[in-house]
C-alpha cells in the first residue's frame, strides 16, 4: 500500500485508503469475475440440458426398438 494514498482519521484513528484508482481497478476486476462466474453457470446449465436431451433421445430410441 502506497503511504501517500492513506490517511488517518484524527477522531477515530481509522486508516482511510484514498487510492481511487486502486478501488476502480478492484471494482472492474470484481465485475469481470462476476461475469465469468455467470457465464460458467450458463455453460453448466447448457451442459445439463444437453445431457438430459441425450438421455431422452437414448430412451426414445430404446423404446422404438
C-alpha atoms as a PDB file:
ATOM      1  CA  UNK A   1       0.000   0.000   0.000  1.00  0.00           C
ATOM      2  CA  UNK A   2       1.345   3.381  -1.005  1.00  0.00           C
ATOM      3  CA  UNK A   3       1.729   5.585   2.103  1.00  0.00           C
ATOM      4  CA  UNK A   4       0.755   8.635   0.047  1.00  0.00           C
ATOM      5  CA  UNK A   5      -2.671   7.094  -0.576  1.00  0.00           C
ATOM      6  CA  UNK A   6      -3.658   6.597   3.051  1.00  0.00           C
ATOM      7  CA  UNK A   7      -4.654   8.977   5.787  1.00  0.00           C
ATOM      8  CA  UNK A   8      -5.547   8.529   9.414  1.00  0.00           C
ATOM      9  CA  UNK A   9      -8.804   9.960  10.722  1.00  0.00           C
ATOM     10  CA  UNK A  10      -7.895  12.163  13.671  1.00  0.00           C
ATOM     11  CA  UNK A  11     -11.133  11.471  15.560  1.00  0.00           C
ATOM     12  CA  UNK A  12     -11.371   7.695  15.173  1.00  0.00           C
ATOM     13  CA  UNK A  13      -7.753   6.905  14.255  1.00  0.00           C
ATOM     14  CA  UNK A  14      -9.129   4.793  11.404  1.00  0.00           C
ATOM     15  CA  UNK A  15      -6.870   4.208   8.434  1.00  0.00           C
ATOM     16  CA  UNK A  16      -8.508   5.584   5.280  1.00  0.00           C
ATOM     17  CA  UNK A  17      -7.414   4.435   1.844  1.00  0.00           C
ATOM     18  CA  UNK A  18      -7.639   7.251  -0.708  1.00  0.00           C
ATOM     19  CA  UNK A  19      -6.480   5.130  -3.669  1.00  0.00           C
ATOM     20  CA  UNK A  20      -9.408   5.736  -6.030  1.00  0.00           C
ATOM     21  CA  UNK A  21      -7.527   4.217  -8.973  1.00  0.00           C
ATOM     22  CA  UNK A  22      -6.988   1.029  -6.979  1.00  0.00           C
ATOM     23  CA  UNK A  23     -10.656   0.984  -5.975  1.00  0.00           C
ATOM     24  CA  UNK A  24     -11.737   1.370  -9.607  1.00  0.00           C
ATOM     25  CA  UNK A  25      -9.391  -1.447 -10.646  1.00  0.00           C
ATOM     26  CA  UNK A  26     -10.747  -3.679  -7.875  1.00  0.00           C
ATOM     27  CA  UNK A  27     -14.353  -2.985  -8.867  1.00  0.00           C
ATOM     28  CA  UNK A  28     -13.591  -3.650 -12.546  1.00  0.00           C
ATOM     29  CA  UNK A  29     -11.887  -6.930 -11.681  1.00  0.00           C
ATOM     30  CA  UNK A  30     -14.769  -7.949  -9.409  1.00  0.00           C
ATOM     31  CA  UNK A  31     -17.288  -7.118 -12.136  1.00  0.00           C
ATOM     32  CA  UNK A  32     -15.321  -9.148 -14.672  1.00  0.00           C
ATOM     33  CA  UNK A  33     -15.131 -12.094 -12.263  1.00  0.00           C
ATOM     34  CA  UNK A  34     -18.892 -11.903 -11.690  1.00  0.00           C
ATOM     35  CA  UNK A  35     -19.452 -12.032 -15.459  1.00  0.00           C
ATOM     36  CA  UNK A  36     -17.127 -15.032 -15.742  1.00  0.00           C
ATOM     37  CA  UNK A  37     -18.993 -16.800 -12.937  1.00  0.00           C
ATOM     38  CA  UNK A  38     -22.311 -16.076 -14.639  1.00  0.00           C
ATOM     39  CA  UNK A  39     -21.017 -17.462 -17.940  1.00  0.00           C
ATOM     40  CA  UNK A  40     -19.724 -20.581 -16.180  1.00  0.00           C
ATOM     41  CA  UNK A  41     -23.152 -21.091 -14.632  1.00  0.00           C
ATOM     42  CA  UNK A  42     -24.798 -20.649 -18.040  1.00  0.00           C
ATOM     43  CA  UNK A  43     -22.408 -23.161 -19.629  1.00  0.00           C
ATOM     44  CA  UNK A  44     -23.060 -25.689 -16.875  1.00  0.00           C
ATOM     45  CA  UNK A  45     -26.790 -25.222 -17.329  1.00  0.00           C
ATOM     46  CA  UNK A  46     -26.488 -25.839 -21.087  1.00  0.00           C
ATOM     47  CA  UNK A  47     -24.364 -28.934 -20.415  1.00  0.00           C
ATOM     48  CA  UNK A  48     -27.017 -30.261 -18.040  1.00  0.00           C
ATOM     49  CA  UNK A  49     -29.739 -29.591 -20.614  1.00  0.00           C
ATOM     50  CA  UNK A  50     -27.758 -31.384 -23.321  1.00  0.00           C
ATOM     51  CA  UNK A  51     -27.211 -34.366 -21.050  1.00  0.00           C
ATOM     52  CA  UNK A  52     -30.932 -34.517 -20.343  1.00  0.00           C
ATOM     53  CA  UNK A  53     -31.748 -34.293 -24.072  1.00  0.00           C
ATOM     54  CA  UNK A  54     -29.198 -37.005 -24.819  1.00  0.00           C
ATOM     55  CA  UNK A  55     -30.726 -39.294 -22.195  1.00  0.00           C
ATOM     56  CA  UNK A  56     -34.234 -38.656 -23.507  1.00  0.00           C
ATOM     57  CA  UNK A  57     -33.110 -39.461 -27.054  1.00  0.00           C
ATOM     58  CA  UNK A  58     -31.482 -42.696 -25.886  1.00  0.00           C
ATOM     59  CA  UNK A  59     -34.670 -43.613 -24.070  1.00  0.00           C
ATOM     60  CA  UNK A  60     -36.779 -42.760 -27.122  1.00  0.00           C
ATOM     61  CA  UNK A  61     -34.592 -44.885 -29.418  1.00  0.00           C
ATOM     62  CA  UNK A  62     -34.618 -47.762 -26.932  1.00  0.00           C
ATOM     63  CA  UNK A  63     -38.441 -47.671 -26.732  1.00  0.00           C
ATOM     64  CA  UNK A  64     -38.751 -47.706 -30.527  1.00  0.00           C
ATOM     65  CA  UNK A  65     -36.698 -50.894 -30.877  1.00  0.00           C
END
